[in-house]
C-alpha atoms as a PDB file:
ATOM      1  CA  GLN A   1     -42.074  20.837  -0.244  1.00  0.00           C
ATOM      2  CA  VAL A   2     -42.354  23.368   2.537  1.00  0.00           C
ATOM      3  CA  GLN A   3     -39.624  26.005   2.401  1.00  0.00           C
ATOM      4  CA  LEU A   4     -39.073  28.882   4.797  1.00  0.00           C
ATOM      5  CA  VAL A   5     -36.339  31.430   4.173  1.00  0.00           C
ATOM      6  CA  GLU A   6     -35.650  34.046   6.818  1.00  0.00           C
ATOM      7  CA  SER A   7     -33.741  37.274   6.228  1.00  0.00           C
ATOM      8  CA  GLY A   8     -33.215  40.714   7.695  1.00  0.00           C
ATOM      9  CA  GLY A   9     -31.137  39.946  10.750  1.00  0.00           C
ATOM     10  CA  GLY A  10     -27.989  41.780  11.677  1.00  0.00           C
ATOM     11  CA  LEU A  11     -26.068  43.645  14.320  1.00  0.00           C
ATOM     12  CA  VAL A  12     -27.832  46.569  15.949  1.00  0.00           C
ATOM     13  CA  GLN A  13     -27.314  48.688  19.031  1.00  0.00           C
ATOM     14  CA  ALA A  14     -29.696  48.505  21.946  1.00  0.00           C
ATOM     15  CA  GLY A  15     -32.731  50.645  21.251  1.00  0.00           C
ATOM     16  CA  GLY A  16     -32.497  50.080  17.534  1.00  0.00           C
ATOM     17  CA  SER A  17     -34.867  48.371  15.130  1.00  0.00           C
ATOM     18  CA  LEU A  18     -34.823  45.542  12.616  1.00  0.00           C
ATOM     19  CA  ARG A  19     -37.403  44.064  10.316  1.00  0.00           C
ATOM     20  CA  LEU A  20     -37.240  40.353   9.675  1.00  0.00           C
ATOM     21  CA  SER A  21     -38.783  38.713   6.635  1.00  0.00           C
ATOM     22  CA  CYS A  22     -39.744  35.139   5.902  1.00  0.00           C
ATOM     23  CA  ALA A  23     -40.449  33.873   2.404  1.00  0.00           C
ATOM     24  CA  ALA A  24     -42.697  30.821   2.479  1.00  0.00           C
ATOM     25  CA  SER A  25     -43.450  28.298  -0.252  1.00  0.00           C
ATOM     26  CA  GLY A  26     -44.690  24.752  -0.728  1.00  0.00           C
ATOM     27  CA  PHE A  27     -47.991  25.164   1.088  1.00  0.00           C
ATOM     28  CA  ILE A  28     -51.078  27.366   1.084  1.00  0.00           C
ATOM     29  CA  PHE A  29     -49.642  30.245   3.048  1.00  0.00           C
ATOM     30  CA  SER A  30     -52.804  32.319   3.377  1.00  0.00           C
ATOM     31  CA  ILE A  31     -54.696  29.736   5.440  1.00  0.00           C
ATOM     32  CA  ASN A  32     -51.875  28.700   7.709  1.00  0.00           C
ATOM     33  CA  PRO A  33     -51.088  30.090  11.141  1.00  0.00           C
ATOM     34  CA  MET A  34     -47.510  31.318  11.209  1.00  0.00           C
ATOM     35  CA  GLY A  35     -45.094  32.254  13.918  1.00  0.00           C
ATOM     36  CA  TRP A  36     -41.678  33.651  14.704  1.00  0.00           C
ATOM     37  CA  TYR A  37     -39.449  31.762  17.101  1.00  0.00           C
ATOM     38  CA  ARG A  38     -36.010  32.472  18.472  1.00  0.00           C
ATOM     39  CA  GLN A  39     -33.217  30.520  20.046  1.00  0.00           C
ATOM     40  CA  ALA A  40     -30.505  32.136  22.097  1.00  0.00           C
ATOM     41  CA  PRO A  41     -27.241  30.322  22.888  1.00  0.00           C
ATOM     42  CA  GLY A  42     -27.793  27.718  25.572  1.00  0.00           C
ATOM     43  CA  LYS A  43     -31.540  28.253  25.631  1.00  0.00           C
ATOM     44  CA  GLN A  44     -34.544  26.479  24.211  1.00  0.00           C
ATOM     45  CA  ARG A  45     -36.299  27.743  21.143  1.00  0.00           C
ATOM     46  CA  GLU A  46     -39.246  29.914  22.126  1.00  0.00           C
ATOM     47  CA  LEU A  47     -42.252  31.465  20.437  1.00  0.00           C
ATOM     48  CA  VAL A  48     -41.835  35.196  19.991  1.00  0.00           C
ATOM     49  CA  ALA A  49     -44.954  36.127  18.050  1.00  0.00           C
ATOM     50  CA  GLY A  50     -47.548  34.340  16.020  1.00  0.00           C
ATOM     51  CA  PHE A  51     -50.826  34.311  14.189  1.00  0.00           C
ATOM     52  CA  THR A  52     -53.439  31.950  15.558  1.00  0.00           C
ATOM     53  CA  SER A  53     -55.818  29.924  13.399  1.00  0.00           C
ATOM     54  CA  SER A  54     -58.430  32.649  13.899  1.00  0.00           C
ATOM     55  CA  GLY A  55     -56.057  35.295  12.574  1.00  0.00           C
ATOM     56  CA  SER A  56     -55.403  37.000  15.859  1.00  0.00           C
ATOM     57  CA  THR A  57     -51.873  37.690  17.069  1.00  0.00           C
ATOM     58  CA  THR A  58     -50.043  36.522  20.150  1.00  0.00           C
ATOM     59  CA  TYR A  59     -46.771  37.732  21.629  1.00  0.00           C
ATOM     60  CA  ALA A  60     -44.333  36.605  24.248  1.00  0.00           C
ATOM     61  CA  LEU A  61     -44.518  38.876  27.267  1.00  0.00           C
ATOM     62  CA  SER A  62     -40.880  39.826  26.813  1.00  0.00           C
ATOM     63  CA  VAL A  63     -41.538  41.401  23.399  1.00  0.00           C
ATOM     64  CA  LYS A  64     -45.083  42.664  23.744  1.00  0.00           C
ATOM     65  CA  GLY A  65     -45.294  46.323  22.790  1.00  0.00           C
ATOM     66  CA  ARG A  66     -41.930  46.224  21.018  1.00  0.00           C
ATOM     67  CA  PHE A  67     -42.402  43.615  18.273  1.00  0.00           C
ATOM     68  CA  THR A  68     -45.116  43.448  15.636  1.00  0.00           C
ATOM     69  CA  ILE A  69     -45.864  40.440  13.463  1.00  0.00           C
ATOM     70  CA  SER A  70     -47.494  40.920  10.093  1.00  0.00           C
ATOM     71  CA  ARG A  71     -48.063  38.981   6.900  1.00  0.00           C
ATOM     72  CA  ASP A  72     -48.665  39.599   3.219  1.00  0.00           C
ATOM     73  CA  ASN A  73     -50.682  36.671   1.920  1.00  0.00           C
ATOM     74  CA  ALA A  74     -50.418  37.858  -1.685  1.00  0.00           C
ATOM     75  CA  LYS A  75     -46.630  37.569  -1.482  1.00  0.00           C
ATOM     76  CA  ASN A  76     -46.427  34.570   0.874  1.00  0.00           C
ATOM     77  CA  MET A  77     -44.373  36.690   3.257  1.00  0.00           C
ATOM     78  CA  LEU A  78     -44.229  36.891   7.029  1.00  0.00           C
ATOM     79  CA  TYR A  79     -42.617  39.834   8.818  1.00  0.00           C
ATOM     80  CA  LEU A  80     -41.450  40.751  12.282  1.00  0.00           C
ATOM     81  CA  GLN A  81     -40.872  44.402  13.065  1.00  0.00           C
ATOM     82  CA  MET A  82     -38.625  44.654  16.099  1.00  0.00           C
ATOM     83  CA  ASN A  83     -38.274  47.982  17.872  1.00  0.00           C
ATOM     84  CA  SER A  84     -36.532  49.052  21.073  1.00  0.00           C
ATOM     85  CA  LEU A  85     -34.249  46.057  20.812  1.00  0.00           C
ATOM     86  CA  LYS A  86     -32.464  44.828  23.916  1.00  0.00           C
ATOM     87  CA  PRO A  87     -29.325  42.706  24.295  1.00  0.00           C
ATOM     88  CA  GLU A  88     -31.529  39.873  25.548  1.00  0.00           C
ATOM     89  CA  ASP A  89     -33.221  39.784  22.138  1.00  0.00           C
ATOM     90  CA  THR A  90     -29.993  38.402  20.691  1.00  0.00           C
ATOM     91  CA  ALA A  91     -30.818  35.054  19.099  1.00  0.00           C
ATOM     92  CA  VAL A  92     -31.329  33.218  15.853  1.00  0.00           C
ATOM     93  CA  TYR A  93     -34.841  33.944  14.640  1.00  0.00           C
ATOM     94  CA  TYR A  94     -36.917  31.425  12.719  1.00  0.00           C
ATOM     95  CA  CYS A  95     -40.313  31.482  11.105  1.00  0.00           C
ATOM     96  CA  LYS A  96     -42.550  28.457  11.178  1.00  0.00           C
ATOM     97  CA  ALA A  97     -45.825  27.260   9.758  1.00  0.00           C
ATOM     98  CA  THR A  98     -47.748  25.930  12.733  1.00  0.00           C
ATOM     99  CA  ARG A  99     -49.319  23.061  10.791  1.00  0.00           C
ATOM    100  CA  TYR A 100     -45.932  21.917   9.477  1.00  0.00           C
ATOM    101  CA  PRO A 101     -43.973  21.533  12.696  1.00  0.00           C
ATOM    102  CA  SER A 102     -41.115  19.555  11.172  1.00  0.00           C
ATOM    103  CA  TYR A 103     -40.048  22.318   8.824  1.00  0.00           C
ATOM    104  CA  TRP A 104     -37.672  25.055   9.890  1.00  0.00           C
ATOM    105  CA  GLY A 105     -35.714  27.542   7.851  1.00  0.00           C
ATOM    106  CA  GLN A 106     -32.039  28.304   8.367  1.00  0.00           C
ATOM    107  CA  GLY A 107     -32.861  31.233  10.618  1.00  0.00           C
ATOM    108  CA  THR A 108     -31.462  34.730  10.694  1.00  0.00           C
ATOM    109  CA  GLN A 109     -29.079  35.980  13.370  1.00  0.00           C
ATOM    110  CA  VAL A 110     -30.029  39.035  15.393  1.00  0.00           C
ATOM    111  CA  THR A 111     -27.345  40.496  17.618  1.00  0.00           C
ATOM    112  CA  VAL A 112     -28.092  43.454  19.876  1.00  0.00           C
ATOM    113  CA  SER A 113     -25.116  45.186  21.418  1.00  0.00           C
ATOM    114  CA  SER A 114     -25.346  47.104  24.676  1.00  0.00           C
END
């Protein structure tokens, strides 16, 4: 069964950094496109960063240049390095395997104070 466990969130001041991690299991991680999503209060869940099926990366315009997605296929881990955080980055962050759209982890809360 697909399992996704996010961690690494927390409270940080504007301008600070956090590194999120996602432990994946239950599927062949290395061949699956993966992505990070976020959902802020009262807003729809949105794609923040992701790996495409060709292995290239894509970023939301709002985070481009500040966030970096990476993966360690040997460890079945997905990461999101977030720098220069802004209050508008406050949200619950989720990782997702693109080919398993029904499966979501519990998310990890990121709160950026001004």
